[in-house]
């Protein structure tokens, strides 16, 4: 898989790409993540990629030409292009599962007061991480990238992915580690029983209980 990120803050990704599972996936050639400075596609000597909106208004808008040229230079036949935006579809585990099957993704990081609306003609969709507005789209892009990369085969153990919260639409069961008891707080006895069938049954029941308590909206879906 190839992920191309169009941003005005390429240095923002230095530590992100050198850390933990993302770094290992890149090192093992499971994914190629490339950052591109949108200012390199500016049409003026000052490398300006924003301007005032037609019709007036507060703030600046990202210009269409630099984004168009960058996407055109990177796009291949099977490329999917997305813009990070608070107006986009909420990014969920289900969306991540789908995106992890793509071979080439371009993510455009929104910034300023928004992006020239003509961008809608060259993207496959907009993605939001929730009903909140951030200063730029780079943090959402990192979140989206991380969620996708961990789903690529052999990046992490498949069994681990299948045990994740949200994999089957509900939350994960409670987990415990040593010691068995501390300050009067004990590990459920069933987990210490060694009875695998009972443990499995308990975990399945707990997934429903935890989801009902913390995210009842998931059960409604």
N, C-alpha and C. Protein backbone atom coordinates (compact mmCIF):
# COMPACT_ATOMS: atom_id res chain seq x y z
N UNK A 1 0.83 -1.19 0.00
CA UNK A 1 0.00 0.00 0.00
C UNK A 1 0.87 1.25 0.00
N UNK A 2 0.38 2.28 -0.69
CA UNK A 2 1.05 3.58 -0.71
C UNK A 2 0.06 4.61 -0.17
N UNK A 3 0.52 5.43 0.78
CA UNK A 3 -0.29 6.53 1.30
C UNK A 3 0.48 7.82 1.04
N UNK A 4 -0.08 8.69 0.23
CA UNK A 4 0.51 10.00 -0.05
C UNK A 4 -0.27 11.05 0.73
N UNK A 5 0.44 11.88 1.47
CA UNK A 5 -0.17 12.90 2.31
C UNK A 5 0.20 14.28 1.78
N UNK A 6 -0.81 15.07 1.44
CA UNK A 6 -0.60 16.44 0.95
C UNK A 6 -0.84 17.40 2.11
N UNK A 7 0.19 18.14 2.50
CA UNK A 7 0.12 18.96 3.69
C UNK A 7 1.00 20.20 3.53
N UNK A 8 0.75 21.20 4.36
CA UNK A 8 1.67 22.34 4.39
C UNK A 8 2.62 22.22 5.58
N UNK A 9 2.50 21.11 6.32
CA UNK A 9 3.38 20.87 7.46
C UNK A 9 4.03 19.48 7.36
N UNK A 10 4.84 19.23 6.36
CA UNK A 10 5.44 17.90 6.21
C UNK A 10 6.32 17.49 7.38
N UNK A 11 6.95 18.44 8.05
CA UNK A 11 7.81 18.12 9.18
C UNK A 11 7.01 17.58 10.37
N UNK A 12 5.72 17.83 10.36
CA UNK A 12 4.84 17.38 11.43
C UNK A 12 4.85 15.85 11.55
N UNK A 13 5.22 15.18 10.47
CA UNK A 13 5.11 13.72 10.41
C UNK A 13 6.41 12.99 10.73
N UNK A 14 7.49 13.71 10.98
CA UNK A 14 8.79 13.09 11.18
C UNK A 14 8.76 12.03 12.28
N UNK A 15 8.35 12.39 13.48
CA UNK A 15 8.32 11.45 14.60
C UNK A 15 7.25 10.38 14.39
N UNK A 16 6.15 10.78 13.84
CA UNK A 16 5.05 9.83 13.59
C UNK A 16 5.50 8.66 12.74
N UNK A 17 6.27 8.96 11.69
CA UNK A 17 6.71 7.92 10.76
C UNK A 17 7.91 7.13 11.29
N UNK A 18 8.50 7.60 12.37
CA UNK A 18 9.68 6.93 12.93
C UNK A 18 9.36 6.17 14.22
N UNK A 19 8.08 6.03 14.52
CA UNK A 19 7.69 5.50 15.82
C UNK A 19 6.82 4.25 15.72
N UNK A 20 7.12 3.28 16.56
CA UNK A 20 6.26 2.13 16.84
C UNK A 20 5.88 1.34 15.59
N UNK A 21 4.62 0.93 15.53
CA UNK A 21 4.13 0.03 14.48
C UNK A 21 4.22 0.67 13.10
N UNK A 22 3.98 1.97 13.02
CA UNK A 22 4.07 2.65 11.72
C UNK A 22 5.48 2.51 11.17
N UNK A 23 6.47 2.78 12.01
CA UNK A 23 7.87 2.67 11.58
C UNK A 23 8.21 1.25 11.14
N UNK A 24 7.74 0.26 11.91
CA UNK A 24 8.04 -1.13 11.56
C UNK A 24 7.37 -1.53 10.24
N UNK A 25 6.16 -1.07 10.03
CA UNK A 25 5.46 -1.39 8.78
C UNK A 25 6.18 -0.80 7.57
N UNK A 26 6.72 0.40 7.74
CA UNK A 26 7.48 1.03 6.66
C UNK A 26 8.79 0.27 6.43
N UNK A 27 9.47 -0.04 7.52
CA UNK A 27 10.74 -0.76 7.44
C UNK A 27 10.59 -2.12 6.78
N UNK A 28 9.45 -2.79 7.07
CA UNK A 28 9.20 -4.12 6.51
C UNK A 28 8.55 -4.07 5.14
N UNK A 29 8.44 -2.87 4.57
CA UNK A 29 7.89 -2.67 3.22
C UNK A 29 6.43 -3.12 3.10
N UNK A 30 5.69 -3.00 4.21
CA UNK A 30 4.26 -3.28 4.17
C UNK A 30 3.48 -2.07 3.66
N UNK A 31 4.08 -0.90 3.85
CA UNK A 31 3.43 0.33 3.42
C UNK A 31 4.49 1.36 3.10
N UNK A 32 4.17 2.23 2.16
CA UNK A 32 5.02 3.38 1.86
C UNK A 32 4.20 4.62 2.15
N UNK A 33 4.68 5.45 3.08
CA UNK A 33 3.96 6.68 3.45
C UNK A 33 4.82 7.86 3.04
N UNK A 34 4.29 8.67 2.14
CA UNK A 34 5.07 9.79 1.59
C UNK A 34 4.35 11.11 1.88
N UNK A 35 5.09 12.07 2.39
CA UNK A 35 4.51 13.40 2.62
C UNK A 35 4.96 14.34 1.52
N UNK A 36 4.05 15.21 1.12
CA UNK A 36 4.33 16.16 0.05
C UNK A 36 3.91 17.56 0.50
N UNK A 37 4.81 18.51 0.36
CA UNK A 37 4.53 19.89 0.74
C UNK A 37 3.70 20.55 -0.36
N UNK A 38 2.47 20.93 -0.02
CA UNK A 38 1.60 21.56 -1.02
C UNK A 38 2.19 22.86 -1.57
N UNK A 39 3.06 23.49 -0.77
CA UNK A 39 3.66 24.74 -1.26
C UNK A 39 4.56 24.49 -2.48
N UNK A 40 5.02 23.26 -2.65
CA UNK A 40 5.82 22.95 -3.84
C UNK A 40 5.00 23.02 -5.11
N UNK A 41 3.68 23.05 -4.97
CA UNK A 41 2.79 23.10 -6.13
C UNK A 41 2.14 24.48 -6.28
N UNK A 42 2.63 25.46 -5.50
CA UNK A 42 2.09 26.82 -5.57
C UNK A 42 2.38 27.44 -6.93
N UNK A 43 1.55 28.38 -7.32
CA UNK A 43 1.68 29.03 -8.63
C UNK A 43 2.30 30.42 -8.52
N UNK A 44 2.99 30.71 -7.44
CA UNK A 44 3.61 32.02 -7.28
C UNK A 44 4.95 31.87 -6.57
N UNK A 45 5.78 32.85 -6.72
CA UNK A 45 7.15 32.76 -6.19
C UNK A 45 7.19 32.75 -4.67
N UNK A 46 6.11 33.22 -4.04
CA UNK A 46 6.08 33.25 -2.58
C UNK A 46 5.54 31.95 -2.00
N UNK A 47 5.23 30.99 -2.85
CA UNK A 47 4.74 29.66 -2.46
C UNK A 47 3.45 29.75 -1.64
N UNK A 48 2.64 30.73 -1.97
CA UNK A 48 1.37 30.92 -1.29
C UNK A 48 0.34 29.94 -1.84
N UNK A 49 -0.38 29.27 -0.93
CA UNK A 49 -1.39 28.31 -1.39
C UNK A 49 -2.76 28.63 -0.79
N UNK A 50 -2.94 29.87 -0.25
CA UNK A 50 -4.24 30.28 0.29
C UNK A 50 -4.58 31.67 -0.22
N UNK A 51 -5.87 32.03 -0.16
CA UNK A 51 -6.30 33.35 -0.60
C UNK A 51 -7.66 33.66 0.03
N UNK A 52 -8.08 34.92 -0.12
CA UNK A 52 -9.36 35.35 0.46
C UNK A 52 -10.52 34.75 -0.33
N UNK A 53 -11.65 34.48 0.32
CA UNK A 53 -12.78 33.86 -0.37
C UNK A 53 -13.57 34.87 -1.21
N UNK A 54 -14.02 34.44 -2.36
CA UNK A 54 -14.94 35.26 -3.15
C UNK A 54 -16.23 35.47 -2.37
N UNK A 55 -16.78 36.68 -2.45
CA UNK A 55 -18.00 36.99 -1.73
C UNK A 55 -17.77 37.49 -0.32
N UNK A 56 -16.49 37.51 0.09
CA UNK A 56 -16.15 37.99 1.41
C UNK A 56 -16.25 36.90 2.47
N UNK A 57 -15.81 37.22 3.64
CA UNK A 57 -15.83 36.25 4.73
C UNK A 57 -14.55 36.31 5.55
N UNK A 58 -14.59 35.61 6.67
CA UNK A 58 -13.46 35.63 7.59
C UNK A 58 -12.43 34.58 7.19
N UNK A 59 -11.15 34.93 7.32
CA UNK A 59 -10.10 33.94 7.12
C UNK A 59 -9.72 33.71 5.66
N UNK A 60 -8.91 32.68 5.46
CA UNK A 60 -8.36 32.35 4.15
C UNK A 60 -8.78 30.95 3.74
N UNK A 61 -8.83 30.73 2.44
CA UNK A 61 -9.16 29.41 1.89
C UNK A 61 -7.95 28.82 1.18
N UNK A 62 -7.82 27.50 1.25
CA UNK A 62 -6.80 26.83 0.47
C UNK A 62 -7.20 26.90 -1.01
N UNK A 63 -6.26 27.26 -1.86
CA UNK A 63 -6.54 27.39 -3.29
C UNK A 63 -6.71 26.03 -3.96
N UNK A 64 -7.47 26.03 -5.03
CA UNK A 64 -7.72 24.80 -5.77
C UNK A 64 -6.54 24.37 -6.65
N UNK A 65 -5.90 25.29 -7.41
CA UNK A 65 -4.85 24.86 -8.35
C UNK A 65 -3.71 24.03 -7.74
N UNK A 66 -3.12 24.42 -6.60
CA UNK A 66 -2.03 23.59 -6.06
C UNK A 66 -2.48 22.18 -5.71
N UNK A 67 -3.68 22.06 -5.15
CA UNK A 67 -4.20 20.74 -4.79
C UNK A 67 -4.49 19.93 -6.04
N UNK A 68 -5.09 20.57 -7.04
CA UNK A 68 -5.38 19.89 -8.30
C UNK A 68 -4.11 19.35 -8.93
N UNK A 69 -3.08 20.19 -8.99
CA UNK A 69 -1.82 19.78 -9.62
C UNK A 69 -1.13 18.66 -8.84
N UNK A 70 -1.19 18.73 -7.51
CA UNK A 70 -0.56 17.70 -6.68
C UNK A 70 -1.26 16.36 -6.87
N UNK A 71 -2.58 16.38 -6.84
CA UNK A 71 -3.34 15.14 -7.03
C UNK A 71 -3.09 14.57 -8.42
N UNK A 72 -3.08 15.43 -9.42
CA UNK A 72 -2.85 14.99 -10.79
C UNK A 72 -1.47 14.34 -10.93
N UNK A 73 -0.48 14.88 -10.25
CA UNK A 73 0.88 14.34 -10.34
C UNK A 73 1.01 12.98 -9.65
N UNK A 74 0.19 12.74 -8.64
CA UNK A 74 0.31 11.52 -7.84
C UNK A 74 -0.70 10.44 -8.19
N UNK A 75 -1.84 10.84 -8.74
CA UNK A 75 -2.93 9.89 -8.96
C UNK A 75 -2.56 8.81 -9.97
N UNK A 76 -2.97 7.57 -9.65
CA UNK A 76 -2.85 6.45 -10.57
C UNK A 76 -4.25 5.92 -10.85
N UNK A 77 -4.33 4.88 -11.63
CA UNK A 77 -5.64 4.37 -12.04
C UNK A 77 -6.48 3.90 -10.85
N UNK A 78 -5.83 3.33 -9.84
CA UNK A 78 -6.56 2.76 -8.71
C UNK A 78 -6.51 3.63 -7.46
N UNK A 79 -6.14 4.90 -7.60
CA UNK A 79 -5.99 5.80 -6.46
C UNK A 79 -7.33 6.24 -5.89
N UNK A 80 -7.40 6.30 -4.56
CA UNK A 80 -8.53 6.89 -3.86
C UNK A 80 -8.06 8.16 -3.17
N UNK A 81 -8.82 9.24 -3.33
CA UNK A 81 -8.40 10.54 -2.81
C UNK A 81 -9.41 11.03 -1.77
N UNK A 82 -8.89 11.45 -0.60
CA UNK A 82 -9.75 11.91 0.48
C UNK A 82 -9.26 13.23 1.05
N UNK A 83 -10.21 14.04 1.51
CA UNK A 83 -9.92 15.30 2.19
C UNK A 83 -10.34 15.18 3.65
N UNK A 84 -9.48 15.58 4.58
CA UNK A 84 -9.89 15.63 5.98
C UNK A 84 -10.70 16.91 6.19
N UNK A 85 -11.89 16.75 6.74
CA UNK A 85 -12.80 17.90 6.86
C UNK A 85 -13.86 17.62 7.90
N UNK A 86 -14.26 18.61 8.72
CA UNK A 86 -15.34 18.41 9.68
C UNK A 86 -16.68 18.18 8.99
N UNK A 87 -16.74 18.42 7.68
CA UNK A 87 -17.97 18.18 6.93
C UNK A 87 -18.03 16.76 6.36
N UNK A 88 -16.98 15.98 6.61
CA UNK A 88 -16.89 14.66 6.00
C UNK A 88 -17.63 13.57 6.74
N UNK A 89 -17.61 12.40 6.14
CA UNK A 89 -18.16 11.20 6.75
C UNK A 89 -17.32 10.83 7.97
N UNK A 90 -17.98 10.44 9.05
CA UNK A 90 -17.25 10.09 10.26
C UNK A 90 -16.39 8.86 10.01
N UNK A 91 -15.11 8.98 10.34
CA UNK A 91 -14.17 7.88 10.16
C UNK A 91 -14.39 6.87 11.27
N UNK A 92 -14.77 5.65 10.91
CA UNK A 92 -15.04 4.59 11.87
C UNK A 92 -14.17 3.38 11.55
N UNK A 93 -14.23 2.38 12.42
CA UNK A 93 -13.48 1.16 12.17
C UNK A 93 -13.93 0.51 10.87
N UNK A 94 -15.21 0.59 10.58
CA UNK A 94 -15.73 0.03 9.34
C UNK A 94 -15.12 0.71 8.13
N UNK A 95 -15.00 2.04 8.19
CA UNK A 95 -14.36 2.79 7.11
C UNK A 95 -12.89 2.41 6.99
N UNK A 96 -12.23 2.27 8.14
CA UNK A 96 -10.81 1.88 8.14
C UNK A 96 -10.64 0.51 7.50
N UNK A 97 -11.53 -0.43 7.81
CA UNK A 97 -11.44 -1.76 7.22
C UNK A 97 -11.52 -1.71 5.70
N UNK A 98 -12.39 -0.85 5.20
CA UNK A 98 -12.51 -0.70 3.74
C UNK A 98 -11.27 -0.05 3.14
N UNK A 99 -10.81 1.02 3.76
CA UNK A 99 -9.66 1.74 3.23
C UNK A 99 -8.39 0.90 3.25
N UNK A 100 -8.30 -0.03 4.18
CA UNK A 100 -7.12 -0.89 4.28
C UNK A 100 -6.99 -1.82 3.09
N UNK A 101 -8.04 -1.94 2.29
CA UNK A 101 -7.99 -2.80 1.10
C UNK A 101 -7.52 -2.03 -0.14
N UNK A 102 -7.40 -0.71 -0.04
CA UNK A 102 -6.96 0.10 -1.18
C UNK A 102 -5.45 -0.02 -1.37
N UNK A 103 -4.99 0.07 -2.59
CA UNK A 103 -3.56 -0.03 -2.86
C UNK A 103 -2.87 1.34 -2.84
N UNK A 104 -3.63 2.40 -3.11
CA UNK A 104 -3.03 3.74 -3.13
C UNK A 104 -4.05 4.76 -2.63
N UNK A 105 -3.67 5.50 -1.60
CA UNK A 105 -4.54 6.51 -1.01
C UNK A 105 -3.82 7.85 -0.98
N UNK A 106 -4.51 8.91 -1.37
CA UNK A 106 -4.02 10.27 -1.20
C UNK A 106 -4.91 10.95 -0.17
N UNK A 107 -4.29 11.52 0.86
CA UNK A 107 -5.04 12.25 1.88
C UNK A 107 -4.62 13.71 1.83
N UNK A 108 -5.59 14.59 1.64
CA UNK A 108 -5.35 16.02 1.59
C UNK A 108 -5.70 16.61 2.95
N UNK A 109 -4.75 17.27 3.57
CA UNK A 109 -4.96 17.85 4.90
C UNK A 109 -5.56 19.25 4.77
N UNK A 110 -6.78 19.40 5.22
CA UNK A 110 -7.41 20.71 5.18
C UNK A 110 -6.73 21.67 6.15
N UNK A 111 -6.93 22.97 5.91
CA UNK A 111 -6.33 23.98 6.79
C UNK A 111 -7.06 25.30 6.57
N UNK A 112 -6.68 26.31 7.35
CA UNK A 112 -7.29 27.63 7.29
C UNK A 112 -8.80 27.52 7.54
N UNK A 113 -9.60 28.33 6.83
CA UNK A 113 -11.05 28.30 7.00
C UNK A 113 -11.73 27.27 6.10
N UNK A 114 -10.92 26.51 5.38
CA UNK A 114 -11.50 25.51 4.49
C UNK A 114 -10.75 25.44 3.17
N UNK A 115 -11.37 24.77 2.21
CA UNK A 115 -10.75 24.53 0.92
C UNK A 115 -11.72 24.97 -0.19
N UNK A 116 -11.18 25.52 -1.25
CA UNK A 116 -11.97 25.86 -2.42
C UNK A 116 -12.86 24.67 -2.80
N UNK A 117 -14.17 24.90 -2.90
CA UNK A 117 -15.15 23.82 -3.08
C UNK A 117 -14.96 23.03 -4.37
N UNK A 118 -14.19 23.55 -5.29
CA UNK A 118 -13.95 22.79 -6.54
C UNK A 118 -13.17 21.50 -6.30
N UNK A 119 -12.61 21.38 -5.11
CA UNK A 119 -11.89 20.15 -4.77
C UNK A 119 -12.82 18.94 -4.81
N UNK A 120 -14.13 19.17 -4.61
CA UNK A 120 -15.08 18.06 -4.59
C UNK A 120 -15.10 17.28 -5.90
N UNK A 121 -14.63 17.90 -6.98
CA UNK A 121 -14.63 17.26 -8.28
C UNK A 121 -13.46 16.27 -8.45
N UNK A 122 -12.49 16.32 -7.55
CA UNK A 122 -11.30 15.47 -7.75
C UNK A 122 -11.04 14.52 -6.58
N UNK A 123 -11.97 14.47 -5.61
CA UNK A 123 -11.79 13.57 -4.48
C UNK A 123 -12.87 12.49 -4.47
N UNK A 124 -12.58 11.43 -3.73
CA UNK A 124 -13.55 10.34 -3.59
C UNK A 124 -14.39 10.49 -2.33
N UNK A 125 -14.00 11.40 -1.45
CA UNK A 125 -14.77 11.61 -0.25
C UNK A 125 -14.06 12.49 0.76
N UNK A 126 -14.82 12.95 1.75
CA UNK A 126 -14.27 13.72 2.86
C UNK A 126 -14.38 12.88 4.12
N UNK A 127 -13.39 12.98 5.00
CA UNK A 127 -13.35 12.19 6.22
C UNK A 127 -13.22 13.10 7.43
N UNK A 128 -14.04 12.84 8.45
CA UNK A 128 -14.00 13.58 9.70
C UNK A 128 -13.76 12.61 10.84
N UNK A 129 -13.01 13.05 11.86
CA UNK A 129 -12.79 12.19 13.03
C UNK A 129 -13.82 12.48 14.12
N UNK A 130 -14.79 13.35 13.84
CA UNK A 130 -15.83 13.65 14.82
C UNK A 130 -16.31 15.07 14.66
N UNK A 131 -17.34 15.40 15.42
CA UNK A 131 -17.93 16.73 15.33
C UNK A 131 -17.12 17.74 16.13
N UNK A 132 -15.93 18.00 15.62
CA UNK A 132 -15.02 18.94 16.27
C UNK A 132 -14.15 19.56 15.18
N UNK A 133 -13.79 20.83 15.38
CA UNK A 133 -12.95 21.54 14.41
C UNK A 133 -11.55 21.73 14.98
N UNK A 134 -10.54 21.32 14.22
CA UNK A 134 -9.15 21.48 14.64
C UNK A 134 -8.48 22.56 13.80
N UNK A 135 -7.25 22.90 14.18
CA UNK A 135 -6.54 23.95 13.44
C UNK A 135 -6.10 23.49 12.05
N UNK A 136 -5.93 22.19 11.88
CA UNK A 136 -5.57 21.68 10.57
C UNK A 136 -5.91 20.20 10.50
N UNK A 137 -5.77 19.62 9.31
CA UNK A 137 -6.15 18.23 9.09
C UNK A 137 -5.05 17.22 9.31
N UNK A 138 -3.92 17.64 9.86
CA UNK A 138 -2.80 16.71 10.00
C UNK A 138 -2.99 15.70 11.12
N UNK A 139 -3.55 16.12 12.23
CA UNK A 139 -3.80 15.16 13.31
C UNK A 139 -4.84 14.13 12.88
N UNK A 140 -5.97 14.52 12.26
CA UNK A 140 -6.88 13.51 11.72
C UNK A 140 -6.21 12.59 10.71
N UNK A 141 -5.32 13.13 9.89
CA UNK A 141 -4.63 12.30 8.89
C UNK A 141 -3.76 11.26 9.57
N UNK A 142 -3.07 11.63 10.64
CA UNK A 142 -2.27 10.66 11.39
C UNK A 142 -3.16 9.56 11.98
N UNK A 143 -4.29 9.98 12.55
CA UNK A 143 -5.21 9.01 13.13
C UNK A 143 -5.70 8.02 12.06
N UNK A 144 -6.11 8.55 10.93
CA UNK A 144 -6.61 7.71 9.84
C UNK A 144 -5.52 6.77 9.33
N UNK A 145 -4.33 7.31 9.15
CA UNK A 145 -3.20 6.51 8.67
C UNK A 145 -2.88 5.38 9.64
N UNK A 146 -2.83 5.68 10.93
CA UNK A 146 -2.52 4.68 11.93
C UNK A 146 -3.57 3.56 11.92
N UNK A 147 -4.84 3.94 11.86
CA UNK A 147 -5.91 2.95 11.87
C UNK A 147 -5.86 2.03 10.66
N UNK A 148 -5.46 2.58 9.52
CA UNK A 148 -5.39 1.79 8.28
C UNK A 148 -4.19 0.86 8.30
N UNK A 149 -3.04 1.41 8.66
CA UNK A 149 -1.79 0.64 8.57
C UNK A 149 -1.82 -0.60 9.45
N UNK A 150 -2.37 -0.49 10.65
CA UNK A 150 -2.39 -1.65 11.56
C UNK A 150 -3.27 -2.78 11.01
N UNK A 151 -4.11 -2.49 10.01
CA UNK A 151 -4.96 -3.52 9.43
C UNK A 151 -4.32 -4.21 8.22
N UNK A 152 -3.21 -3.69 7.76
CA UNK A 152 -2.51 -4.32 6.63
C UNK A 152 -1.99 -5.68 7.08
N UNK A 153 -2.20 -6.71 6.27
CA UNK A 153 -1.76 -8.05 6.66
C UNK A 153 -0.30 -8.09 7.12
N UNK A 154 -0.07 -8.77 8.25
CA UNK A 154 1.26 -9.01 8.83
C UNK A 154 1.88 -7.79 9.49
N UNK A 155 1.16 -6.68 9.56
CA UNK A 155 1.69 -5.54 10.32
C UNK A 155 1.58 -5.83 11.81
N UNK A 156 0.43 -6.32 12.25
CA UNK A 156 0.27 -6.88 13.58
C UNK A 156 -0.43 -8.22 13.44
N UNK A 157 -0.49 -9.00 14.50
CA UNK A 157 -1.09 -10.32 14.42
C UNK A 157 -2.57 -10.23 14.07
N UNK A 158 -3.00 -11.06 13.13
CA UNK A 158 -4.40 -11.06 12.72
C UNK A 158 -5.32 -11.34 13.90
N UNK A 159 -4.89 -12.26 14.78
CA UNK A 159 -5.70 -12.60 15.95
C UNK A 159 -5.91 -11.38 16.83
N UNK A 160 -4.91 -10.50 16.92
CA UNK A 160 -5.02 -9.30 17.73
C UNK A 160 -6.04 -8.34 17.14
N UNK A 161 -6.03 -8.21 15.82
CA UNK A 161 -6.99 -7.34 15.14
C UNK A 161 -8.41 -7.81 15.40
N UNK A 162 -8.62 -9.12 15.33
CA UNK A 162 -9.96 -9.67 15.50
C UNK A 162 -10.47 -9.55 16.93
N UNK A 163 -9.56 -9.30 17.88
CA UNK A 163 -9.96 -9.13 19.27
C UNK A 163 -10.21 -7.67 19.62
N UNK A 164 -9.92 -6.78 18.69
CA UNK A 164 -10.05 -5.34 18.96
C UNK A 164 -11.49 -4.94 19.24
N UNK A 165 -11.65 -3.88 20.03
CA UNK A 165 -12.94 -3.24 20.11
C UNK A 165 -13.37 -2.82 18.71
N UNK A 166 -14.67 -2.93 18.45
CA UNK A 166 -15.30 -2.48 17.21
C UNK A 166 -15.08 -3.43 16.03
N UNK A 167 -14.22 -4.45 16.15
CA UNK A 167 -13.99 -5.34 15.02
C UNK A 167 -15.29 -5.99 14.58
N UNK A 168 -16.09 -6.43 15.57
CA UNK A 168 -17.38 -7.06 15.25
C UNK A 168 -18.56 -6.16 15.64
N UNK A 169 -18.29 -4.87 15.74
CA UNK A 169 -19.36 -3.91 15.98
C UNK A 169 -19.63 -3.60 17.44
N UNK A 170 -18.94 -4.28 18.36
CA UNK A 170 -19.12 -4.01 19.78
C UNK A 170 -17.76 -3.77 20.43
N UNK A 171 -17.77 -3.42 21.72
CA UNK A 171 -16.52 -3.15 22.44
C UNK A 171 -15.91 -4.44 22.97
N UNK A 172 -14.64 -4.36 23.30
CA UNK A 172 -13.91 -5.52 23.79
C UNK A 172 -14.27 -5.80 25.25
N UNK A 173 -14.14 -7.04 25.62
CA UNK A 173 -14.38 -7.46 27.00
C UNK A 173 -13.29 -6.90 27.93
N UNK A 174 -13.57 -6.80 29.26
CA UNK A 174 -12.56 -6.31 30.22
C UNK A 174 -11.37 -7.28 30.29
N UNK A 175 -10.20 -6.70 30.51
CA UNK A 175 -8.99 -7.52 30.62
C UNK A 175 -8.25 -7.19 31.92
N UNK A 176 -7.51 -8.17 32.44
CA UNK A 176 -6.79 -8.02 33.70
C UNK A 176 -5.42 -8.68 33.60
N UNK A 177 -4.49 -8.20 34.42
CA UNK A 177 -3.18 -8.83 34.51
C UNK A 177 -2.75 -8.88 35.98
N UNK A 178 -1.59 -9.39 36.25
CA UNK A 178 -1.12 -9.59 37.63
C UNK A 178 -0.96 -8.25 38.35
N UNK A 179 -1.22 -8.21 39.66
CA UNK A 179 -1.52 -9.33 40.56
C UNK A 179 -3.01 -9.68 40.55
N UNK A 180 -3.34 -10.84 41.14
CA UNK A 180 -4.73 -11.28 41.18
C UNK A 180 -5.58 -10.38 42.06
N UNK A 181 -4.97 -9.82 43.09
CA UNK A 181 -5.71 -8.95 44.01
C UNK A 181 -4.82 -7.79 44.43
N UNK A 182 -5.42 -6.60 44.54
CA UNK A 182 -4.66 -5.43 45.01
C UNK A 182 -5.62 -4.44 45.66
N UNK A 183 -5.33 -4.16 46.93
CA UNK A 183 -6.12 -3.20 47.70
C UNK A 183 -7.62 -3.52 47.66
N UNK A 184 -7.93 -4.81 47.66
CA UNK A 184 -9.33 -5.23 47.68
C UNK A 184 -9.98 -5.32 46.32
N UNK A 185 -9.23 -5.04 45.24
CA UNK A 185 -9.75 -5.14 43.89
C UNK A 185 -9.23 -6.44 43.27
N UNK A 186 -10.17 -7.33 42.92
CA UNK A 186 -9.81 -8.68 42.50
C UNK A 186 -10.10 -8.93 41.02
N UNK A 187 -9.33 -9.84 40.45
CA UNK A 187 -9.58 -10.32 39.09
C UNK A 187 -10.77 -11.29 39.13
N UNK A 188 -11.70 -11.21 38.18
CA UNK A 188 -12.82 -12.16 38.16
C UNK A 188 -12.32 -13.61 38.21
N UNK A 189 -12.95 -14.41 39.05
CA UNK A 189 -12.48 -15.77 39.27
C UNK A 189 -12.52 -16.62 38.02
N UNK A 190 -13.46 -16.36 37.11
CA UNK A 190 -13.57 -17.17 35.91
C UNK A 190 -12.28 -17.12 35.09
N UNK A 191 -11.58 -15.98 35.11
CA UNK A 191 -10.35 -15.84 34.33
C UNK A 191 -9.19 -16.62 34.93
N UNK A 192 -9.35 -17.02 36.20
CA UNK A 192 -8.30 -17.79 36.88
C UNK A 192 -8.62 -19.29 36.88
N UNK A 193 -9.76 -19.65 36.30
CA UNK A 193 -10.24 -21.04 36.38
C UNK A 193 -9.52 -21.98 35.43
N UNK A 194 -8.99 -21.45 34.32
CA UNK A 194 -8.38 -22.32 33.32
C UNK A 194 -9.41 -23.03 32.46
N UNK A 195 -10.69 -22.73 32.65
CA UNK A 195 -11.77 -23.36 31.89
C UNK A 195 -12.05 -22.49 30.65
N UNK A 196 -11.48 -22.89 29.52
CA UNK A 196 -11.50 -22.03 28.33
C UNK A 196 -12.91 -21.76 27.81
N UNK A 197 -13.78 -22.75 27.88
CA UNK A 197 -15.15 -22.56 27.40
C UNK A 197 -15.88 -21.53 28.25
N UNK A 198 -15.71 -21.62 29.56
CA UNK A 198 -16.36 -20.65 30.45
C UNK A 198 -15.79 -19.25 30.28
N UNK A 199 -14.47 -19.18 30.06
CA UNK A 199 -13.83 -17.88 29.83
C UNK A 199 -14.36 -17.25 28.55
N UNK A 200 -14.45 -18.05 27.51
CA UNK A 200 -14.96 -17.54 26.23
C UNK A 200 -16.40 -17.05 26.38
N UNK A 201 -17.24 -17.82 27.07
CA UNK A 201 -18.63 -17.43 27.29
C UNK A 201 -18.70 -16.13 28.08
N UNK A 202 -17.88 -16.02 29.14
CA UNK A 202 -17.85 -14.82 29.96
C UNK A 202 -17.44 -13.60 29.14
N UNK A 203 -16.45 -13.77 28.31
CA UNK A 203 -15.97 -12.65 27.49
C UNK A 203 -17.04 -12.19 26.50
N UNK A 204 -17.74 -13.11 25.87
CA UNK A 204 -18.80 -12.75 24.94
C UNK A 204 -19.91 -12.00 25.66
N UNK A 205 -20.26 -12.44 26.85
CA UNK A 205 -21.28 -11.76 27.63
C UNK A 205 -20.82 -10.36 28.03
N UNK A 206 -19.55 -10.26 28.42
CA UNK A 206 -19.01 -8.98 28.85
C UNK A 206 -18.95 -7.97 27.71
N UNK A 207 -18.71 -8.44 26.50
CA UNK A 207 -18.68 -7.53 25.34
C UNK A 207 -20.02 -6.81 25.21
N UNK A 208 -21.10 -7.53 25.40
CA UNK A 208 -22.43 -6.94 25.32
C UNK A 208 -22.69 -5.99 26.49
N UNK A 209 -22.27 -6.41 27.68
CA UNK A 209 -22.47 -5.58 28.87
C UNK A 209 -21.68 -4.28 28.78
N UNK A 210 -20.41 -4.39 28.40
CA UNK A 210 -19.56 -3.20 28.29
C UNK A 210 -20.08 -2.25 27.22
N UNK A 211 -20.49 -2.80 26.09
CA UNK A 211 -21.01 -1.96 25.00
C UNK A 211 -22.30 -1.27 25.42
N UNK A 212 -23.18 -2.01 26.11
CA UNK A 212 -24.43 -1.44 26.59
C UNK A 212 -24.20 -0.29 27.55
N UNK A 213 -23.16 -0.43 28.38
CA UNK A 213 -22.84 0.58 29.38
C UNK A 213 -22.15 1.80 28.79
N UNK A 214 -21.16 1.56 27.92
CA UNK A 214 -20.31 2.64 27.43
C UNK A 214 -20.74 3.22 26.08
N UNK A 215 -21.23 2.35 25.20
CA UNK A 215 -21.60 2.79 23.85
C UNK A 215 -22.91 2.14 23.41
N UNK A 216 -24.02 2.43 24.06
CA UNK A 216 -25.29 1.81 23.67
C UNK A 216 -25.70 2.11 22.24
N UNK A 217 -25.15 3.20 21.69
CA UNK A 217 -25.48 3.52 20.30
C UNK A 217 -24.99 2.45 19.33
N UNK A 218 -23.93 1.74 19.69
CA UNK A 218 -23.43 0.66 18.83
C UNK A 218 -24.40 -0.49 18.74
N UNK A 219 -25.07 -0.79 19.85
CA UNK A 219 -26.04 -1.88 19.86
C UNK A 219 -27.27 -1.53 19.04
N UNK A 220 -27.62 -0.25 19.01
CA UNK A 220 -28.77 0.18 18.20
C UNK A 220 -28.50 -0.02 16.72
N UNK A 221 -27.22 0.11 16.34
CA UNK A 221 -26.86 -0.09 14.93
C UNK A 221 -27.00 -1.54 14.53
